[in-house]
Structure formats: structure tokens, C-alpha cells
Amino acid sequence: MLSWMISVFGRKHLDIQSKDVLSRPKGDGGEEAAVDIRDLMSFRLARLAAASDKSAQQWSLCEFGLRLNEWRVLGLAAAMDPAPFAEIARMLSMDKGQLSRIVKAMAARGLMRSEPDRRDQRALSLSATHAGRDLYGRMVARAKQRNE
């Protein structure tokens, strides 16, 4: 799996050094340690996810002027249109204050709007504006190309 990750993302992007692959910690008697965190799938997946997020952050900001979390919020709002505020916060594991700041900034740029939920006036619904849906469509098309 590590060789596949290196071929996809490159050593520099994953911050992998040759010692990561070749050296293993030794026990007191010189034998190889029973568990090496670098061998754990969860550790490798976390590194892969971090590399993917870093790449996506650069891509979305450079090509479209959106930070990764802004792209994710816009994407969910456009896909679920309208999207319950609390549901987006839950799906992105984002606190409501952070999400509120993102929505406010996106609304100021004319990409999103928030309004009281039709079913529960105490809750908010988020939706993409026409400009937001247009940007979302271009970003999804480009993301599909990047994933091929």
C-alpha cells in the first residue's frame, strides 16, 4: 500500500523519507519491536488523508479561490439544496461557529444564502446561489478529472 501511495502522491507530498520504509525500532534485545505505528493501517490512512487534504486545499484555492472547507460546505449545500445547517456541521465534523463564519463569508461573496428552515423556523437551511451552483458545477467537473 505504501508503494501505491508514493506512486500516487510522491514521497515529498507524503513527507516520506527512506528511513520511514527501511528502519524499524528495535527492542531491548535488538529484536524488531512487536508493533510499529508506521505499520498500522489507521496511521497510513491518516497520512494519506492529510496528503489528500493538502493537495485539495492547494487545488481549490489556486484554481477556484475557495479554501477546502468552503468548497466542502458549498458542495454539500449545492448537492442537498436546501441543506440543514446542523446536518452540514455534523457531516463535516465542524463546530457551528466555524460553519457560521464560512457561511457568512460565502454569502458575502454571493455564493450561498441562509434562511430559516421551512419545517423548523428555529433552524437554518443553506443553499447555493446561482453563482454558487455554477462554481460548484465547475469544481465538481474538475475534481472528477483529478480523480481519474
N, C-alpha and C. Protein backbone atom coordinates (compact mmCIF):
# COMPACT_ATOMS: atom_id res chain seq x y z
N MET A 1 0.82 -1.19 0.00
CA MET A 1 0.00 0.00 0.00
C MET A 1 0.87 1.26 0.00
N LEU A 2 1.95 1.24 0.75
CA LEU A 2 2.82 2.40 0.82
C LEU A 2 3.38 2.74 -0.55
N SER A 3 3.76 1.72 -1.33
CA SER A 3 4.31 2.00 -2.66
C SER A 3 3.25 2.62 -3.55
N TRP A 4 1.98 2.21 -3.41
CA TRP A 4 0.90 2.81 -4.18
C TRP A 4 0.72 4.27 -3.78
N MET A 5 0.74 4.56 -2.48
CA MET A 5 0.58 5.93 -2.01
C MET A 5 1.72 6.80 -2.54
N ILE A 6 2.95 6.26 -2.53
CA ILE A 6 4.09 7.01 -3.03
C ILE A 6 3.92 7.28 -4.52
N SER A 7 3.46 6.27 -5.27
CA SER A 7 3.29 6.47 -6.71
C SER A 7 2.20 7.49 -7.02
N VAL A 8 1.16 7.55 -6.20
CA VAL A 8 0.07 8.49 -6.43
C VAL A 8 0.43 9.90 -5.96
N PHE A 9 0.99 10.02 -4.75
CA PHE A 9 1.23 11.33 -4.17
C PHE A 9 2.69 11.77 -4.18
N GLY A 10 3.62 10.82 -4.31
CA GLY A 10 5.04 11.16 -4.29
C GLY A 10 5.56 11.25 -2.87
N ARG A 11 6.83 10.96 -2.70
CA ARG A 11 7.44 10.99 -1.37
C ARG A 11 7.37 12.37 -0.73
N LYS A 12 7.65 13.41 -1.52
CA LYS A 12 7.66 14.76 -0.96
C LYS A 12 6.30 15.14 -0.42
N HIS A 13 5.23 14.84 -1.16
CA HIS A 13 3.90 15.22 -0.73
C HIS A 13 3.46 14.46 0.52
N LEU A 14 3.88 13.22 0.64
CA LEU A 14 3.53 12.43 1.81
C LEU A 14 4.52 12.62 2.95
N ASP A 15 5.60 13.37 2.68
CA ASP A 15 6.65 13.58 3.67
C ASP A 15 7.21 12.24 4.15
N ILE A 16 7.48 11.37 3.19
CA ILE A 16 8.03 10.05 3.50
C ILE A 16 9.51 10.07 3.20
N GLN A 17 10.28 9.65 4.16
CA GLN A 17 11.72 9.53 4.00
C GLN A 17 12.06 8.05 3.88
N SER A 18 13.22 7.74 3.34
CA SER A 18 13.59 6.33 3.18
C SER A 18 13.64 5.62 4.52
N LYS A 19 13.99 6.33 5.58
CA LYS A 19 14.03 5.69 6.90
C LYS A 19 12.64 5.23 7.35
N ASP A 20 11.56 5.92 6.84
CA ASP A 20 10.20 5.51 7.19
C ASP A 20 9.91 4.10 6.69
N VAL A 21 10.50 3.75 5.57
CA VAL A 21 10.22 2.47 4.95
C VAL A 21 11.22 1.41 5.40
N LEU A 22 12.47 1.80 5.63
CA LEU A 22 13.53 0.83 5.86
C LEU A 22 13.80 0.52 7.32
N SER A 23 13.75 1.51 8.19
CA SER A 23 14.15 1.27 9.58
C SER A 23 12.96 0.91 10.45
N ARG A 24 13.21 0.05 11.40
CA ARG A 24 12.20 -0.34 12.36
C ARG A 24 12.82 -0.26 13.75
N PRO A 25 12.07 0.20 14.73
CA PRO A 25 12.63 0.27 16.08
C PRO A 25 12.95 -1.13 16.60
N LYS A 26 13.99 -1.20 17.41
CA LYS A 26 14.43 -2.47 17.98
C LYS A 26 14.07 -2.51 19.46
N GLY A 27 13.81 -3.71 19.93
CA GLY A 27 13.53 -3.92 21.35
C GLY A 27 14.83 -3.91 22.14
N ASP A 28 14.75 -4.16 23.44
CA ASP A 28 15.92 -4.14 24.32
C ASP A 28 16.96 -5.17 23.88
N GLY A 29 16.54 -6.31 23.41
CA GLY A 29 17.47 -7.37 23.00
C GLY A 29 17.90 -7.25 21.55
N GLY A 30 17.56 -6.18 20.86
CA GLY A 30 17.94 -6.00 19.47
C GLY A 30 16.95 -6.58 18.48
N GLU A 31 15.92 -7.27 18.99
CA GLU A 31 14.92 -7.83 18.08
C GLU A 31 13.97 -6.71 17.62
N GLU A 32 13.32 -6.95 16.48
CA GLU A 32 12.39 -5.96 15.95
C GLU A 32 11.22 -5.79 16.91
N ALA A 33 10.82 -4.56 17.16
CA ALA A 33 9.70 -4.28 18.07
C ALA A 33 8.43 -4.94 17.54
N ALA A 34 7.57 -5.32 18.45
CA ALA A 34 6.35 -6.04 18.08
C ALA A 34 5.40 -5.16 17.28
N VAL A 35 5.30 -3.89 17.64
CA VAL A 35 4.36 -3.00 16.97
C VAL A 35 5.09 -1.72 16.57
N ASP A 36 4.91 -1.34 15.34
CA ASP A 36 5.47 -0.10 14.84
C ASP A 36 4.29 0.70 14.31
N ILE A 37 4.11 1.89 14.81
CA ILE A 37 2.95 2.69 14.43
C ILE A 37 2.86 2.88 12.92
N ARG A 38 4.02 2.92 12.25
CA ARG A 38 4.02 3.10 10.80
C ARG A 38 3.42 1.92 10.06
N ASP A 39 3.28 0.78 10.72
CA ASP A 39 2.68 -0.39 10.10
C ASP A 39 1.17 -0.45 10.26
N LEU A 40 0.63 0.41 11.10
CA LEU A 40 -0.81 0.40 11.36
C LEU A 40 -1.57 1.05 10.21
N MET A 41 -2.59 0.39 9.74
CA MET A 41 -3.39 0.90 8.63
C MET A 41 -4.00 2.26 8.98
N SER A 42 -4.46 2.43 10.20
CA SER A 42 -5.07 3.70 10.59
C SER A 42 -4.07 4.85 10.48
N PHE A 43 -2.81 4.60 10.83
CA PHE A 43 -1.76 5.62 10.72
C PHE A 43 -1.52 5.97 9.26
N ARG A 44 -1.43 4.95 8.42
CA ARG A 44 -1.20 5.17 7.00
C ARG A 44 -2.37 5.89 6.34
N LEU A 45 -3.58 5.51 6.73
CA LEU A 45 -4.76 6.19 6.17
C LEU A 45 -4.81 7.65 6.60
N ALA A 46 -4.45 7.92 7.84
CA ALA A 46 -4.44 9.30 8.33
C ALA A 46 -3.43 10.13 7.53
N ARG A 47 -2.27 9.56 7.25
CA ARG A 47 -1.27 10.27 6.45
C ARG A 47 -1.75 10.48 5.03
N LEU A 48 -2.39 9.47 4.47
CA LEU A 48 -2.93 9.60 3.11
C LEU A 48 -4.01 10.68 3.07
N ALA A 49 -4.89 10.68 4.06
CA ALA A 49 -5.95 11.69 4.12
C ALA A 49 -5.36 13.08 4.27
N ALA A 50 -4.32 13.23 5.08
CA ALA A 50 -3.68 14.53 5.26
C ALA A 50 -3.05 15.00 3.95
N ALA A 51 -2.40 14.09 3.23
CA ALA A 51 -1.80 14.45 1.94
C ALA A 51 -2.87 14.84 0.94
N SER A 52 -3.96 14.11 0.94
CA SER A 52 -5.07 14.41 0.03
C SER A 52 -5.67 15.77 0.35
N ASP A 53 -5.88 16.06 1.64
CA ASP A 53 -6.42 17.36 2.04
C ASP A 53 -5.48 18.50 1.65
N LYS A 54 -4.19 18.30 1.83
CA LYS A 54 -3.21 19.33 1.47
C LYS A 54 -3.25 19.61 -0.03
N SER A 55 -3.31 18.56 -0.81
CA SER A 55 -3.38 18.70 -2.27
C SER A 55 -4.68 19.39 -2.68
N ALA A 56 -5.79 18.97 -2.08
CA ALA A 56 -7.09 19.55 -2.41
C ALA A 56 -7.16 21.02 -1.99
N GLN A 57 -6.56 21.35 -0.87
CA GLN A 57 -6.55 22.74 -0.40
C GLN A 57 -5.84 23.63 -1.42
N GLN A 58 -4.68 23.17 -1.88
CA GLN A 58 -3.93 23.95 -2.87
C GLN A 58 -4.72 24.08 -4.17
N TRP A 59 -5.30 22.98 -4.60
CA TRP A 59 -6.08 22.96 -5.84
C TRP A 59 -7.26 23.90 -5.77
N SER A 60 -8.08 23.77 -4.73
CA SER A 60 -9.32 24.56 -4.66
C SER A 60 -9.03 26.05 -4.48
N LEU A 61 -7.98 26.36 -3.75
CA LEU A 61 -7.63 27.77 -3.54
C LEU A 61 -7.01 28.39 -4.79
N CYS A 62 -6.09 27.67 -5.41
CA CYS A 62 -5.42 28.21 -6.61
C CYS A 62 -6.34 28.30 -7.81
N GLU A 63 -7.12 27.27 -8.06
CA GLU A 63 -7.95 27.24 -9.26
C GLU A 63 -9.29 27.95 -9.11
N PHE A 64 -9.83 27.97 -7.88
CA PHE A 64 -11.19 28.48 -7.72
C PHE A 64 -11.35 29.52 -6.61
N GLY A 65 -10.29 29.79 -5.88
CA GLY A 65 -10.36 30.82 -4.84
C GLY A 65 -11.13 30.42 -3.60
N LEU A 66 -11.33 29.11 -3.40
CA LEU A 66 -12.04 28.64 -2.20
C LEU A 66 -11.10 27.78 -1.36
N ARG A 67 -11.18 27.95 -0.06
CA ARG A 67 -10.47 27.05 0.85
C ARG A 67 -11.21 25.72 0.85
N LEU A 68 -10.54 24.68 1.30
CA LEU A 68 -11.12 23.34 1.26
C LEU A 68 -12.44 23.25 2.02
N ASN A 69 -12.51 23.82 3.22
CA ASN A 69 -13.77 23.77 3.98
C ASN A 69 -14.88 24.57 3.29
N GLU A 70 -14.52 25.67 2.62
CA GLU A 70 -15.52 26.43 1.88
C GLU A 70 -16.06 25.59 0.72
N TRP A 71 -15.17 24.90 0.03
CA TRP A 71 -15.57 24.03 -1.08
C TRP A 71 -16.49 22.92 -0.58
N ARG A 72 -16.16 22.34 0.55
CA ARG A 72 -16.99 21.26 1.09
C ARG A 72 -18.38 21.76 1.50
N VAL A 73 -18.42 22.93 2.14
CA VAL A 73 -19.71 23.50 2.54
C VAL A 73 -20.55 23.84 1.31
N LEU A 74 -19.93 24.50 0.34
CA LEU A 74 -20.65 24.82 -0.90
C LEU A 74 -21.13 23.56 -1.59
N GLY A 75 -20.26 22.56 -1.66
CA GLY A 75 -20.62 21.31 -2.31
C GLY A 75 -21.82 20.63 -1.66
N LEU A 76 -21.83 20.57 -0.35
CA LEU A 76 -22.96 19.95 0.34
C LEU A 76 -24.24 20.78 0.19
N ALA A 77 -24.09 22.10 0.29
CA ALA A 77 -25.27 22.96 0.14
C ALA A 77 -25.86 22.83 -1.26
N ALA A 78 -25.01 22.77 -2.27
CA ALA A 78 -25.49 22.63 -3.65
C ALA A 78 -26.08 21.24 -3.89
N ALA A 79 -25.45 20.22 -3.35
CA ALA A 79 -25.93 18.85 -3.58
C ALA A 79 -27.23 18.56 -2.84
N MET A 80 -27.40 19.12 -1.64
CA MET A 80 -28.57 18.82 -0.81
C MET A 80 -29.68 19.87 -0.96
N ASP A 81 -29.42 20.91 -1.64
CA ASP A 81 -30.21 22.13 -1.78
C ASP A 81 -31.71 21.96 -1.50
N PRO A 82 -32.22 22.48 -0.40
CA PRO A 82 -31.50 23.15 0.68
C PRO A 82 -30.91 22.15 1.67
N ALA A 83 -29.86 22.59 2.34
CA ALA A 83 -29.17 21.73 3.30
C ALA A 83 -29.34 22.28 4.71
N PRO A 84 -29.78 21.45 5.63
CA PRO A 84 -29.89 21.90 7.03
C PRO A 84 -28.50 22.25 7.59
N PHE A 85 -28.40 23.41 8.19
CA PHE A 85 -27.15 23.89 8.77
C PHE A 85 -26.54 22.84 9.71
N ALA A 86 -27.35 22.31 10.60
CA ALA A 86 -26.86 21.34 11.59
C ALA A 86 -26.36 20.06 10.91
N GLU A 87 -26.98 19.67 9.82
CA GLU A 87 -26.57 18.47 9.10
C GLU A 87 -25.20 18.66 8.45
N ILE A 88 -24.97 19.83 7.88
CA ILE A 88 -23.65 20.11 7.28
C ILE A 88 -22.59 20.13 8.37
N ALA A 89 -22.89 20.75 9.49
CA ALA A 89 -21.93 20.77 10.61
C ALA A 89 -21.60 19.35 11.04
N ARG A 90 -22.61 18.51 11.14
CA ARG A 90 -22.40 17.12 11.55
C ARG A 90 -21.58 16.36 10.51
N MET A 91 -21.95 16.49 9.23
CA MET A 91 -21.26 15.75 8.18
C MET A 91 -19.78 16.13 8.06
N LEU A 92 -19.47 17.39 8.32
CA LEU A 92 -18.08 17.86 8.20
C LEU A 92 -17.35 17.85 9.54
N SER A 93 -18.01 17.38 10.60
CA SER A 93 -17.42 17.41 11.95
C SER A 93 -16.88 18.80 12.26
N MET A 94 -17.71 19.79 11.99
CA MET A 94 -17.31 21.19 12.14
C MET A 94 -18.18 21.82 13.22
N ASP A 95 -17.58 22.63 14.07
CA ASP A 95 -18.41 23.28 15.08
C ASP A 95 -19.25 24.37 14.42
N LYS A 96 -20.36 24.68 15.04
CA LYS A 96 -21.33 25.59 14.43
C LYS A 96 -20.77 27.00 14.26
N GLY A 97 -19.89 27.42 15.14
CA GLY A 97 -19.27 28.74 15.00
C GLY A 97 -18.40 28.83 13.75
N GLN A 98 -17.60 27.80 13.51
CA GLN A 98 -16.75 27.77 12.32
C GLN A 98 -17.61 27.74 11.06
N LEU A 99 -18.63 26.90 11.06
CA LEU A 99 -19.51 26.82 9.90
C LEU A 99 -20.21 28.15 9.67
N SER A 100 -20.65 28.80 10.72
CA SER A 100 -21.32 30.08 10.60
C SER A 100 -20.41 31.12 9.94
N ARG A 101 -19.13 31.15 10.33
CA ARG A 101 -18.18 32.08 9.72
C ARG A 101 -17.98 31.79 8.23
N ILE A 102 -17.91 30.52 7.88
CA ILE A 102 -17.75 30.14 6.47
C ILE A 102 -18.98 30.56 5.67
N VAL A 103 -20.16 30.29 6.21
CA VAL A 103 -21.40 30.64 5.50
C VAL A 103 -21.49 32.15 5.33
N LYS A 104 -21.15 32.90 6.35
CA LYS A 104 -21.20 34.37 6.27
C LYS A 104 -20.26 34.88 5.18
N ALA A 105 -19.05 34.32 5.12
CA ALA A 105 -18.08 34.74 4.10
C ALA A 105 -18.55 34.35 2.70
N MET A 106 -19.13 33.17 2.57
CA MET A 106 -19.61 32.71 1.26
C MET A 106 -20.84 33.53 0.82
N ALA A 107 -21.68 33.90 1.77
CA ALA A 107 -22.84 34.74 1.45
C ALA A 107 -22.38 36.12 0.99
N ALA A 108 -21.35 36.66 1.63
CA ALA A 108 -20.82 37.96 1.24
C ALA A 108 -20.25 37.94 -0.17
N ARG A 109 -19.79 36.78 -0.60
CA ARG A 109 -19.25 36.62 -1.96
C ARG A 109 -20.34 36.25 -2.96
N GLY A 110 -21.57 36.12 -2.49
CA GLY A 110 -22.68 35.82 -3.38
C GLY A 110 -22.78 34.37 -3.80
N LEU A 111 -22.17 33.46 -3.02
CA LEU A 111 -22.16 32.04 -3.38
C LEU A 111 -23.19 31.21 -2.63
N MET A 112 -23.62 31.70 -1.46
CA MET A 112 -24.57 30.95 -0.63
C MET A 112 -25.54 31.91 0.02
N ARG A 113 -26.63 31.32 0.49
CA ARG A 113 -27.57 32.08 1.31
C ARG A 113 -28.07 31.17 2.42
N SER A 114 -28.42 31.78 3.51
CA SER A 114 -29.01 31.02 4.61
C SER A 114 -30.35 31.65 4.93
N GLU A 115 -31.29 30.81 5.28
CA GLU A 115 -32.63 31.28 5.62
C GLU A 115 -33.25 30.31 6.61
N PRO A 116 -34.27 30.75 7.32
CA PRO A 116 -34.92 29.84 8.26
C PRO A 116 -35.43 28.59 7.54
N ASP A 117 -35.28 27.47 8.20
CA ASP A 117 -35.74 26.20 7.64
C ASP A 117 -37.26 26.23 7.54
N ARG A 118 -37.80 25.73 6.44
CA ARG A 118 -39.25 25.74 6.24
C ARG A 118 -39.99 24.88 7.26
N ARG A 119 -39.35 23.80 7.71
CA ARG A 119 -40.00 22.89 8.65
C ARG A 119 -39.82 23.31 10.10
N ASP A 120 -38.70 24.00 10.37
CA ASP A 120 -38.39 24.41 11.75
C ASP A 120 -37.77 25.80 11.70
N GLN A 121 -38.55 26.81 12.01
CA GLN A 121 -38.11 28.19 11.89
C GLN A 121 -36.93 28.53 12.82
N ARG A 122 -36.66 27.67 13.81
CA ARG A 122 -35.53 27.90 14.70
C ARG A 122 -34.21 27.49 14.05
N ALA A 123 -34.29 26.65 13.02
CA ALA A 123 -33.09 26.12 12.35
C ALA A 123 -32.85 26.87 11.05
N LEU A 124 -31.63 26.74 10.54
CA LEU A 124 -31.26 27.38 9.28
C LEU A 124 -31.10 26.35 8.17
N SER A 125 -31.43 26.78 6.97
CA SER A 125 -31.17 25.99 5.77
C SER A 125 -30.19 26.77 4.91
N LEU A 126 -29.28 26.04 4.31
CA LEU A 126 -28.28 26.65 3.44
C LEU A 126 -28.53 26.22 2.01
N SER A 127 -28.32 27.15 1.09
CA SER A 127 -28.44 26.80 -0.32
C SER A 127 -27.43 27.62 -1.11
N ALA A 128 -27.07 27.08 -2.25
CA ALA A 128 -26.14 27.76 -3.14
C ALA A 128 -26.93 28.73 -4.00
N THR A 129 -26.37 29.88 -4.25
CA THR A 129 -26.97 30.83 -5.18
C THR A 129 -26.69 30.34 -6.61
N HIS A 130 -27.21 31.07 -7.59
CA HIS A 130 -26.92 30.71 -8.98
C HIS A 130 -25.41 30.70 -9.22
N ALA A 131 -24.72 31.74 -8.73
CA ALA A 131 -23.26 31.81 -8.89
C ALA A 131 -22.58 30.66 -8.14
N GLY A 132 -23.10 30.30 -6.98
CA GLY A 132 -22.55 29.19 -6.20
C GLY A 132 -22.74 27.85 -6.91
N ARG A 133 -23.92 27.65 -7.48
CA ARG A 133 -24.17 26.40 -8.23
C ARG A 133 -23.28 26.32 -9.47
N ASP A 134 -23.06 27.44 -10.12
CA ASP A 134 -22.18 27.47 -11.30
C ASP A 134 -20.75 27.10 -10.89
N LEU A 135 -20.27 27.71 -9.82
CA LEU A 135 -18.92 27.40 -9.33
C LEU A 135 -18.84 25.94 -8.90
N TYR A 136 -19.85 25.48 -8.19
CA TYR A 136 -19.90 24.08 -7.77
C TYR A 136 -19.81 23.14 -8.97
N GLY A 137 -20.57 23.42 -10.02
CA GLY A 137 -20.54 22.58 -11.22
C GLY A 137 -19.16 22.52 -11.84
N ARG A 138 -18.50 23.67 -11.93
CA ARG A 138 -17.14 23.69 -12.50
C ARG A 138 -16.15 22.95 -11.61
N MET A 139 -16.30 23.11 -10.30
CA MET A 139 -15.38 22.44 -9.38
C MET A 139 -15.58 20.92 -9.39
N VAL A 140 -16.82 20.47 -9.44
CA VAL A 140 -17.09 19.03 -9.46
C VAL A 140 -16.53 18.42 -10.74
N ALA A 141 -16.73 19.11 -11.87
CA ALA A 141 -16.19 18.59 -13.14
C ALA A 141 -14.67 18.48 -13.07
N ARG A 142 -14.03 19.49 -12.52
CA ARG A 142 -12.56 19.47 -12.41
C ARG A 142 -12.12 18.43 -11.39
N ALA A 143 -12.84 18.26 -10.31
CA ALA A 143 -12.49 17.25 -9.29
C ALA A 143 -12.59 15.85 -9.89
N LYS A 144 -13.61 15.61 -10.73
CA LYS A 144 -13.73 14.31 -11.39
C LYS A 144 -12.51 14.05 -12.27
N GLN A 145 -12.07 15.06 -13.00
CA GLN A 145 -10.87 14.91 -13.83
C GLN A 145 -9.66 14.55 -12.98
N ARG A 146 -9.52 15.23 -11.85
CA ARG A 146 -8.37 14.98 -10.96
C ARG A 146 -8.41 13.58 -10.37
N ASN A 147 -9.60 13.04 -10.19
CA ASN A 147 -9.73 11.71 -9.58
C ASN A 147 -9.61 10.57 -10.57
N GLU A 148 -9.52 10.86 -11.84
CA GLU A 148 -9.40 9.79 -12.83
C GLU A 148 -7.97 9.33 -12.99
